[in-house]
Amino acid sequence: MSVRQSRLFAASPWPMTPLEEVLARRIRAQGPLTVAEFMAEALGHPEYGYYATRDPLGRRGDFTTAPDAVTPTSLNPFSTKNGTASW
């Protein structure tokens, strides 16, 4: 039986993502996952995990580190941008 034919996932009107397919097969084979196991797969799966599919850091990512956020004008609360105060 394929994952899509499973009664557990049959009610969803949307197709499953590849990672959902991996998780569903694992749950079917091994039983329930702990939150730690689920997060390990969601974040670290070598092909479909969050960190394998994108760079989460920097201005284009989900996380911005201090050096990415700080500019010389952002350090000065009285600096102006386009003639108006930036604060």
Foldseek 3Di string as FASTA:
>chain_A
DALCPDPVNVPDPDDDDPLVSVVSVCCVVPNDDDPVVVLCSQAPVCPHHPVNPDPQEAPPHVHYDPVRPDDVQVVDQQDDDPPHGPD
